Protein backbone atom coordinates (compact mmCIF):
# COMPACT_ATOMS: atom_id res chain seq x y z
CA PHE A 1 85.62 80.67 82.43
CA GLY A 2 88.10 82.61 84.57
CA GLY A 3 89.24 84.48 81.46
CA LEU A 4 85.65 85.49 80.67
CA LEU A 5 84.74 86.67 84.14
CA GLY A 6 88.08 88.24 85.08
CA ASP A 7 88.81 88.47 88.76
CA TYR A 8 85.14 88.56 89.87
CA ARG A 9 84.06 85.98 92.41
CA THR A 10 81.51 83.44 91.17
CA PRO A 11 79.78 80.47 92.73
CA LEU A 12 82.90 78.52 91.66
CA THR A 13 85.09 80.61 93.95
CA GLY A 14 85.05 81.19 97.64
CA SER A 15 85.31 84.44 99.52
CA THR A 16 89.04 84.47 99.04
CA GLY A 17 88.81 84.05 95.26
CA MET A 18 90.48 80.64 95.39
CA SER A 19 88.91 77.64 93.65
CA ARG A 20 87.11 75.20 95.82
CA PRO A 21 87.54 71.48 95.32
CA SER A 22 84.92 70.04 93.00
CA PRO A 23 82.62 67.38 94.37
CA LYS A 24 82.74 65.71 90.93
CA SER A 25 86.49 65.98 90.41
CA ALA A 26 86.84 62.24 90.21
CA SER A 27 84.84 62.12 86.95
CA ALA A 28 85.91 63.31 83.53
CA VAL A 29 83.91 66.17 81.98
CA ALA A 30 83.73 65.49 78.25
CA THR A 31 80.24 66.50 77.05
CA PRO A 32 77.98 69.55 77.48
CA GLU A 33 75.51 67.41 79.46
CA GLN A 34 78.24 66.43 81.93
CA LEU A 35 79.37 70.04 82.20
CA ARG A 36 75.76 71.20 82.81
CA PHE A 37 75.33 68.61 85.57
CA TYR A 38 78.67 69.60 87.02
CA LEU A 39 77.81 73.33 87.24
CA ASP A 40 74.22 72.73 88.40
CA SER A 41 75.62 71.24 91.55
CA PHE A 42 77.30 74.56 92.30
CA SER A 43 74.24 76.55 91.20
CA SER A 44 72.00 74.72 93.64
CA GLU A 45 74.53 75.24 96.40
CA ALA A 46 74.65 78.96 95.63
CA GLN A 47 70.88 79.22 95.77
CA GLN A 48 70.92 77.60 99.18
CA GLN A 49 73.34 80.33 100.29
CA GLY A 50 70.95 83.10 99.08
CA GLY A 51 72.09 83.63 95.52
CA THR A 52 69.72 84.93 92.82
CA GLY A 53 70.94 83.04 89.82
CA GLY A 54 68.31 81.62 87.48
CA GLY A 55 69.86 78.24 86.66
CA LEU A 56 72.73 77.43 84.36
CA PHE A 57 73.76 80.63 82.57
CA GLY A 58 70.18 81.93 83.12
CA GLY A 59 71.25 85.58 82.90
CA LEU A 60 73.97 87.99 83.77
CA GLY A 61 72.92 89.80 86.95
CA GLU A 62 74.14 90.85 90.27
CA GLY A 63 74.07 88.15 92.91
CA ALA A 64 74.00 88.45 96.63
CA GLY A 65 76.66 90.72 98.01
CA GLY A 66 76.84 92.85 94.83
CA HIS A 67 79.02 90.39 92.89
CA TRP A 68 78.43 89.35 89.28
CA ALA A 69 77.05 85.86 88.72
CA PRO A 70 75.99 83.89 85.60
CA SER A 71 72.44 84.67 84.49
CA SER A 72 71.23 85.13 80.88
CA PHE A 73 74.50 84.16 79.16
CA SER A 74 73.27 81.12 77.22
CA PHE A 75 75.27 77.97 76.55
CA ALA A 76 74.95 78.52 72.77
CA GLN A 77 76.57 81.96 73.09
CA GLN A 78 79.35 80.48 75.20
CA GLN A 79 79.95 77.72 72.63
CA MET A 80 80.08 80.30 69.80
CA GLN A 81 82.64 82.37 71.67
CA ASP A 82 84.68 79.28 72.44
CA GLN A 83 84.79 78.45 68.73
CA GLN A 84 85.92 82.02 67.90
CA ASP A 85 88.57 82.00 70.58
CA PRO A 86 91.33 79.56 69.58
CA SER A 87 92.79 79.68 73.08
CA SER A 88 89.57 78.46 74.68
CA PRO A 89 89.98 75.18 76.59
CA ALA A 90 86.47 73.99 75.73
CA LEU A 91 86.29 70.60 73.99
CA PRO A 92 84.36 70.13 70.73
CA VAL A 93 80.93 68.62 71.03
CA ASN A 94 80.78 64.80 71.18
CA GLN A 95 84.54 64.45 71.55
CA GLU A 96 85.99 62.55 74.45
CA ALA A 97 88.43 64.27 76.74
CA PRO A 98 92.00 63.03 76.37
CA ARG A 99 93.09 60.72 79.13
CA TYR A 100 96.56 59.72 80.13
CA ARG A 101 97.07 55.99 80.16
CA PRO A 102 100.57 55.04 81.32
CA SER A 103 102.14 52.08 79.58
CA TRP A 104 103.35 49.15 81.61
CA LEU A 105 105.90 48.25 78.93
CA PRO A 106 109.31 49.96 78.98
CA ARG A 107 110.13 52.10 75.97
CA ALA A 108 112.36 50.26 73.51
CA LYS A 109 115.83 51.59 73.02
CA ALA A 110 116.64 53.12 69.64
CA VAL A 111 118.51 50.74 67.37
CA VAL A 112 121.78 52.20 66.16
CA HIS A 113 122.91 50.77 62.82
CA THR A 114 126.66 50.77 62.49
CA PRO A 115 127.95 51.51 59.00
CA ASP A 116 129.11 48.55 56.94
CA VAL A 117 132.76 49.41 56.42
CA LEU A 118 134.82 47.27 54.07
CA SER A 119 138.57 46.98 54.07
CA PRO A 120 140.87 45.55 51.40
CA SER A 121 141.07 41.78 51.44
CA ALA A 122 144.19 40.14 52.80
CA PRO A 123 146.30 37.89 50.52
CA ASP A 124 145.01 34.69 52.11
CA GLU A 125 141.43 35.92 51.69
CA VAL A 126 142.11 36.65 48.03
CA GLU A 127 143.55 33.18 47.53
CA GLU A 128 140.57 31.49 49.20
CA PHE A 129 138.06 33.63 47.31
CA VAL A 130 139.56 33.05 43.88
CA GLY A 131 140.05 29.33 44.51
CA GLY A 132 136.40 28.90 45.43
CA LEU A 133 135.15 31.18 42.68
CA ILE A 134 137.03 29.72 39.72
CA PRO A 135 138.06 26.10 40.36
CA ALA A 136 139.89 26.02 37.03
CA LEU A 137 142.49 28.36 38.52
CA SER A 138 143.19 26.09 41.46
CA GLN A 139 145.60 23.20 41.51
CA GLY A 140 144.35 20.37 39.34
CA GLY A 141 142.15 22.68 37.28
CA ASP A 142 142.75 23.68 33.70
CA PRO A 143 145.96 21.90 32.58
CA GLN A 144 147.04 24.89 30.51
CA LEU A 145 147.22 27.01 33.63
CA GLN A 146 149.51 24.54 35.35
CA GLY A 147 152.32 25.30 32.94
CA ALA A 148 152.20 29.10 33.14
CA PRO A 149 153.89 31.19 35.83
CA ALA A 150 151.04 32.83 37.73
CA SER A 151 152.61 36.29 37.82
CA ASP A 152 153.27 36.22 34.08
CA LEU A 153 149.71 35.10 33.43
CA LEU A 154 148.26 37.98 35.42
CA ASP A 155 150.54 40.50 33.74
CA ARG A 156 149.56 39.18 30.33
CA TRP A 157 145.84 39.37 31.06
CA THR A 158 146.10 42.84 32.59
CA GLU A 159 148.01 44.21 29.61
CA ASN A 160 145.55 42.53 27.27
CA LEU A 161 142.69 44.24 29.06
CA ARG A 162 144.35 47.66 28.95
CA GLU A 163 145.02 47.27 25.25
CA TRP A 164 141.42 46.12 24.74
CA PHE A 165 140.16 49.27 26.44
CA SER A 166 142.37 51.43 24.25
CA GLY A 167 141.65 49.67 20.95
CA LYS A 168 138.01 48.66 21.42
CA VAL A 169 136.46 51.16 23.83
CA VAL A 170 137.95 54.64 24.25
CA GLY A 171 139.68 54.94 20.87
CA PRO A 172 136.63 54.07 18.76
CA LEU A 173 134.45 56.11 21.14
CA VAL A 174 136.34 59.29 20.27
CA GLU A 175 135.86 58.59 16.57
CA VAL A 176 132.12 57.90 16.74
CA VAL A 177 131.47 60.93 18.96
CA GLU A 178 133.29 63.26 16.61
CA GLY A 179 131.48 61.92 13.52
CA ALA A 180 128.02 61.06 14.86
CA HIS A 181 126.41 64.21 13.42
CA SER A 182 127.80 63.69 9.92
CA ALA A 183 125.79 60.53 9.20
CA VAL A 184 122.58 62.27 10.28
CA ASN A 185 123.19 65.48 8.34
CA GLN A 186 124.06 63.54 5.20
CA TYR A 187 120.53 62.09 4.95
CA LEU A 188 118.93 65.36 5.99
CA GLN A 189 120.79 67.18 3.21
CA GLN A 190 119.95 64.48 0.69
CA TYR A 191 116.23 65.14 1.21
CA ASN A 192 116.63 68.94 1.31
CA GLN A 193 115.80 69.30 4.99
CA GLN A 194 116.80 72.49 6.80
CA ILE A 195 117.49 70.64 10.06
CA ARG A 196 121.16 70.12 10.88
CA LEU A 197 122.57 68.53 14.02
CA PRO A 198 125.69 70.09 15.55
CA ALA A 199 128.73 68.01 16.48
CA ILE A 200 128.42 66.42 19.91
CA PRO A 201 131.58 68.14 21.27
CA ASP A 202 129.99 71.48 20.32
CA VAL A 203 126.81 70.56 22.19
CA ILE A 204 128.86 69.62 25.25
CA GLY A 205 130.85 72.86 24.98
CA ALA A 206 127.62 74.88 24.82
CA SER A 207 126.27 73.16 27.93
CA ASN A 208 129.47 74.09 29.76
CA GLY A 209 129.09 77.75 28.91
CA GLY A 210 131.44 77.84 25.94
CA HIS A 211 128.74 78.93 23.47
CA ALA A 212 125.10 79.83 23.50
CA ALA A 213 122.99 77.00 24.87
CA MET A 214 121.61 74.66 22.22
CA ASP A 215 118.17 73.09 22.40
CA ILE A 216 119.47 69.85 21.01
CA GLU A 217 116.47 67.86 22.32
CA THR A 218 114.11 69.95 20.14
CA LEU A 219 116.29 69.40 17.07
CA LEU A 220 116.34 65.66 17.73
CA ARG A 221 112.56 65.49 18.09
CA HIS A 222 112.07 67.32 14.79
CA ALA A 223 114.55 65.05 13.02
CA GLN A 224 112.95 61.90 14.46
CA ALA A 225 109.47 63.06 13.47
CA TRP A 226 110.61 63.75 9.90
CA CYS A 227 112.36 60.36 9.78
CA GLN A 228 109.17 58.60 10.82
CA ALA A 229 107.21 60.43 8.12
CA LEU A 230 109.86 59.50 5.56
CA TYR A 231 109.61 55.76 6.18
CA GLN A 232 107.84 53.71 3.52
CA PRO A 233 108.14 49.91 3.67
CA ASN A 234 109.86 48.05 0.83
CA THR A 235 111.26 51.18 -0.84
CA GLN A 236 114.67 52.78 -1.15
CA GLN A 237 113.33 55.72 0.79
CA GLY A 238 112.28 53.36 3.54
CA LEU A 239 115.83 51.96 3.73
CA HIS A 240 117.21 55.49 4.01
CA ALA A 241 114.72 56.22 6.79
CA MET A 242 115.90 53.14 8.70
CA GLU A 243 119.55 54.18 8.33
CA LEU A 244 118.68 57.68 9.46
CA ALA A 245 116.82 56.32 12.50
CA LYS A 246 119.89 54.26 13.38
CA ALA A 247 122.14 57.32 13.08
CA LEU A 248 119.78 59.44 15.17
CA THR A 249 119.71 56.77 17.87
CA ARG A 250 123.50 56.62 17.98
CA TYR A 251 123.74 60.41 18.17
CA ASP A 252 121.26 60.60 21.04
CA GLN A 253 122.75 57.66 22.98
CA LEU A 254 126.31 58.96 22.65
CA LEU A 255 125.14 62.27 24.06
CA GLN A 256 123.50 60.46 26.97
CA LEU A 257 126.64 58.39 27.46
CA LEU A 258 128.83 61.48 27.90
CA ARG A 259 126.25 62.90 30.29
CA GLY A 260 126.64 59.83 32.50
CA ARG A 261 123.17 58.44 31.77
CA ARG A 262 123.90 55.35 29.67
CA PRO A 263 123.89 53.31 31.84
CA ALA A 264 122.41 55.45 34.59
CA ASP A 265 123.40 55.54 38.28
CA LEU A 266 126.86 54.10 37.73
CA LEU A 267 129.06 57.15 37.15
CA PRO A 268 129.13 59.83 39.86
CA PRO A 269 127.68 63.20 38.74
CA ALA A 270 130.11 64.97 36.42
CA PRO A 271 130.00 67.60 33.67
CA ALA A 272 129.73 66.04 30.23
CA GLY A 273 132.69 68.15 29.16
CA TYR A 274 134.90 66.57 31.80
CA VAL A 275 133.86 63.06 30.78
CA TRP A 276 134.65 63.89 27.15
CA SER A 277 138.05 65.37 28.01
CA ARG A 278 139.02 62.27 30.02
CA VAL A 279 137.85 59.93 27.25
CA GLN A 280 140.12 61.81 24.85
CA ALA A 281 143.05 61.62 27.28
CA LEU A 282 142.57 57.89 27.92
CA ALA A 283 142.39 57.22 24.18
CA GLU A 284 145.98 58.38 23.70
CA GLY A 285 148.50 55.58 23.43
CA THR A 286 147.88 51.85 23.23
CA CYS A 287 147.23 50.95 26.90
CA MET A 288 145.69 54.05 28.51
CA PRO A 289 148.92 55.51 29.95
CA ALA A 290 146.97 58.54 31.27
CA PHE A 291 144.94 56.32 33.63
CA HIS A 292 144.89 57.50 37.28
CA TRP A 293 143.28 54.89 39.51
CA ASN A 294 142.50 57.35 42.34
CA GLY A 295 142.39 60.64 40.45
CA GLY A 296 141.71 62.21 37.11
CA GLY A 297 142.65 65.16 34.95
CA SER A 298 142.39 68.91 35.31
CA TRP A 299 139.14 70.58 34.40
CA MET A 300 138.56 74.20 33.36
CA GLY A 301 142.01 75.21 34.56
CA ARG A 302 141.66 73.54 37.95
CA PRO A 303 143.34 70.35 39.17
CA TRP A 304 141.30 67.24 39.79
CA THR A 305 139.32 67.07 43.04
CA PRO A 306 137.19 64.22 44.48
CA ASP A 307 133.98 65.97 43.41
CA LEU A 308 134.85 64.71 39.91
CA PRO A 309 134.86 60.97 39.13
CA ASN A 310 138.23 59.24 39.25
CA ASP A 311 139.45 57.25 36.28
CA SER A 312 138.62 53.92 37.93
CA ALA A 313 134.94 54.91 38.11
CA LEU A 314 135.00 56.33 34.57
CA VAL A 315 136.65 53.29 32.98
CA LEU A 316 134.25 50.91 34.73
CA TYR A 317 131.35 53.05 33.47
CA LEU A 318 132.69 52.83 29.91
CA PHE A 319 133.14 49.07 30.31
CA ALA A 320 129.48 48.67 31.30
CA ALA A 321 128.35 50.96 28.47
CA PHE A 322 130.36 48.97 25.92
CA ILE A 323 128.93 45.66 27.14
CA ASP A 324 125.48 47.13 26.58
CA ALA A 325 126.41 48.47 23.12
CA PRO A 326 129.33 46.49 21.63
CA GLY A 327 131.07 48.38 18.86
CA TRP A 328 129.12 51.46 20.01
CA GLU A 329 126.10 50.21 18.10
CA PHE A 330 123.12 51.20 20.21
CA SER A 331 119.70 49.63 20.28
CA HIS A 332 116.60 51.75 20.77
CA LYS A 333 116.24 50.52 24.34
CA PRO A 334 119.06 50.01 26.87
CA ALA A 335 119.47 46.63 28.49
CA ASP A 336 117.23 46.14 31.52
CA GLY A 337 118.43 42.71 32.65
CA ASP A 338 116.47 40.56 30.21
CA THR A 339 118.61 38.01 28.46
CA SER A 340 118.25 34.59 26.87
CA ARG A 341 121.92 33.63 26.89
CA GLY A 342 123.28 33.88 30.42
CA MET A 343 122.28 35.40 33.71
CA PRO A 344 120.23 38.61 33.59
CA LEU A 345 122.70 41.49 33.47
CA PHE A 346 121.92 44.75 35.27
CA LEU A 347 124.04 47.83 34.69
CA GLY A 348 123.97 50.71 37.16
CA GLN A 349 120.69 49.87 38.85
CA LEU A 350 118.51 46.91 39.77
CA ARG A 351 114.82 46.35 39.39
CA THR A 352 112.56 46.94 42.36
CA ARG A 353 112.33 43.17 42.74
CA PRO A 354 115.35 41.61 41.04
CA PRO A 355 115.50 37.86 40.43
CA ASN A 356 117.41 35.58 42.77
CA GLN A 357 120.07 34.98 40.13
CA TYR A 358 121.62 37.81 38.16
CA SER A 359 124.87 39.53 37.21
CA ALA A 360 125.43 43.23 37.66
CA ILE A 361 127.84 46.15 37.61
CA LEU A 362 126.83 48.57 40.38
CA SER A 363 128.13 51.49 42.41
CA TYR A 364 126.59 50.19 45.65
CA ARG A 365 126.12 46.96 47.55
CA PRO A 366 122.79 45.27 46.77
CA GLU A 367 120.56 44.49 49.73
CA LYS A 368 120.64 40.86 50.82
CA PRO A 369 121.82 39.30 47.55
CA SER A 370 121.53 35.54 47.17
CA LYS A 371 124.52 33.29 46.68
CA ASP A 372 123.70 33.09 42.98
CA VAL A 373 124.42 36.79 42.41
CA ASP A 374 127.71 37.91 40.88
CA ALA A 375 128.56 41.57 40.48
CA ILE A 376 131.30 44.15 40.17
CA LEU A 377 130.85 46.81 42.85
CA ALA A 378 132.58 50.19 42.67
CA LEU A 379 132.59 51.68 46.18
CA ASN A 380 134.05 54.85 47.69
CA GLN A 381 134.07 56.50 44.29
CA ALA A 382 133.89 60.02 45.72
CA THR A 383 137.23 59.61 47.52
CA THR A 384 140.88 59.23 46.65
CA ALA A 385 140.76 55.59 47.79
CA PRO A 386 138.18 53.84 45.58
CA MET A 387 137.56 50.16 46.20
CA MET A 388 136.74 47.66 43.48
CA CYS A 389 134.86 44.60 44.68
CA MET A 390 133.78 41.28 43.26
CA LEU A 391 130.61 39.80 44.75
CA ALA A 392 129.96 36.12 44.10
CA GLN A 393 128.74 33.03 45.92
CA GLY A 394 127.69 35.08 48.92
CA ARG A 395 131.19 36.48 49.48
CA ILE A 396 132.89 39.70 48.55
CA LEU A 397 136.46 40.40 47.48
CA VAL A 398 137.77 43.95 48.03
CA LEU A 399 140.75 45.25 46.08
CA THR A 400 142.36 48.65 45.93
CA GLY A 401 145.32 50.10 44.11
CA TYR A 402 146.40 50.82 40.55
CA ASN A 403 145.39 47.43 39.11
CA ALA A 404 142.33 46.80 41.31
CA LEU A 405 139.86 47.71 38.57
CA PHE A 406 141.53 45.53 35.95
CA HIS A 407 141.84 42.55 38.31
CA VAL A 408 138.17 42.71 39.30
CA ILE A 409 137.09 42.91 35.65
CA LEU A 410 139.33 39.93 34.84
CA LEU A 411 137.74 37.92 37.66
CA PHE A 412 134.30 38.88 36.37
CA LEU A 413 135.17 37.72 32.85
CA LEU A 414 136.78 34.49 34.03
CA PHE A 415 133.79 33.70 36.22
CA HIS A 416 131.42 34.12 33.27
CA LYS A 417 133.70 32.10 31.05
CA TYR A 418 133.71 29.04 33.32
CA LYS A 419 130.32 29.46 35.00
CA TYR A 420 128.11 30.57 32.09
CA ASN A 421 130.03 29.30 29.08
CA SER A 422 131.26 32.82 28.18
CA ALA A 423 127.76 34.33 28.14
CA LEU A 424 127.63 37.92 29.34
CA GLY A 425 124.24 39.55 29.15
CA MET A 426 122.94 39.42 25.58
CA HIS A 427 126.38 38.61 24.17
CA PHE A 428 129.24 36.13 24.34
CA LEU A 429 132.80 37.01 25.19
CA GLN A 430 133.92 35.71 21.80
CA ASP A 431 131.52 37.95 19.82
CA HIS A 432 133.54 39.99 17.35
CA ALA A 433 131.94 43.29 18.38
CA LEU A 434 132.75 42.58 22.02
CA GLY A 435 136.16 40.98 21.50
CA LEU A 436 136.76 39.95 25.12
CA ALA A 437 137.69 36.31 24.60
CA PRO A 438 141.29 37.09 23.53
CA VAL A 439 141.78 39.14 26.69
CA ILE A 440 141.66 36.06 28.92
CA GLU A 441 142.92 33.48 26.44
CA LEU A 442 145.12 30.79 27.93
CA PRO A 443 148.76 30.59 26.90
CA GLU A 444 150.31 27.59 25.27
CA LEU A 445 151.73 24.93 27.55
CA MET A 446 154.93 26.13 29.16
CA PRO A 447 157.47 24.42 31.44
CA HIS A 448 155.98 24.15 34.91
CA VAL A 449 157.25 26.74 37.41
CA LYS A 450 156.08 26.62 41.01
CA HIS A 451 154.24 29.82 41.88
CA SER A 452 151.40 30.80 44.15
CA VAL A 453 148.36 30.54 41.95
CA PHE A 454 146.52 33.32 43.70
CA GLY A 455 149.17 35.58 45.14
CA TRP A 456 149.28 37.65 41.99
CA TRP A 457 145.70 38.85 42.51
CA PHE A 458 147.03 41.00 45.31
CA PRO A 459 148.98 44.17 44.37
CA PRO A 460 152.67 43.12 44.09
CA THR A 461 155.51 44.69 46.01
CA GLU A 462 158.90 45.79 44.73
CA ALA A 463 160.69 42.98 46.54
CA ALA A 464 158.40 40.29 45.14
CA ALA A 465 157.70 41.68 41.70
CA GLY A 466 160.88 43.44 40.70
CA GLY A 467 160.25 45.23 37.47
CA ARG A 468 156.49 44.81 37.81
CA ALA A 469 156.52 47.12 40.82
CA GLY A 470 156.77 50.12 38.55
CA LEU A 471 153.38 49.32 37.06
CA ALA A 472 151.82 48.67 40.47
CA SER A 473 153.18 51.88 41.98
CA ARG A 474 151.85 54.19 39.27
CA LYS A 475 149.56 56.99 40.31
């Protein structure tokens, strides 16, 4: 009310203009009735001192001594002005005044979560992990392993895996990408359709600014709609429609693959053109000689930087994609973990509530996995020191270096061979389209040579490995 009445003295102020202590100051004023009772006490006191006020806000008039006092200014007018004035301290009707209630409990200290930092496993940790993971590799396990030098066995498996990548994955991938549009356009031309799909490399080049942007999604929708209208059961035309649908699916899925979306959330964000250029580079030769474990290739005239995926991340992504589509034959729906052969296999991402037992290939550590979870984890992918990890039986093995990716994949395959009878997702390692059984085939019995069974899982040194150090020290 001081703002309304300015500096004039009222029954609430003394002769000096200073506020007098309220006789009701011990009570909270929260309702208009309480406020009316509170001010009436002053009004009656003022009347005893000779004032002329006519009750609570009875009217605006001049009181004793020539000073202004409340008179005909009604409570409703005051409430309306309070509502129009946002700075007014008046409380809304029927709302309790806020009260401070101190807590007797001390405020809890903020919990600081320290980051979970992993470091490469030591040789003894590697030996213990592998021995517990795959008993067949330990002493007294598979008799065929007892006759093979451990270092030679690892070298053989690693070279087999590199050759498998070159002959089964990246090499055929280049061929199917370059010819995916031809199979579609052949059927479209046969039925005199005007729709034609461009080559996938041209679509990727257009998206990178090389040509005018292509609305390839619109073309695909038109082609799929025409294919559906073409289908007639139990006819030659129906067979052609099924073949066309298969070709359209492959075209679309290959495009999604190069965009890093099949499987999703596994490859760091990258231009599709860069992924395609690295696939072409890795396809040269018979064992991916262009592979850089902690780097990649130049892109658009610039050298590789960590904002692009390194080859370790890219090759693992292609490995997961090939497991989902062996022989680059795609189904209409990507794998989502459902399987009837082995453990459910998740690629790139997990369900909101995954089962207690599953296999996976991920780019992050799952939250509180059970001991029945086995997974390949690709961590630190956006750096020049990526780490490849194997999670199994509640423990984690961390490897880094040139052969880290290949060693982790080999452990993953061996674990599924001995634990799940070679079942991997919806397929078996020995399936012809997958062709992974020969990669980890056991050699014929050889004269026994004493070697550390597990030492060769750790990156070798020049002193210990001799000629093999050249392979381990690459890029």
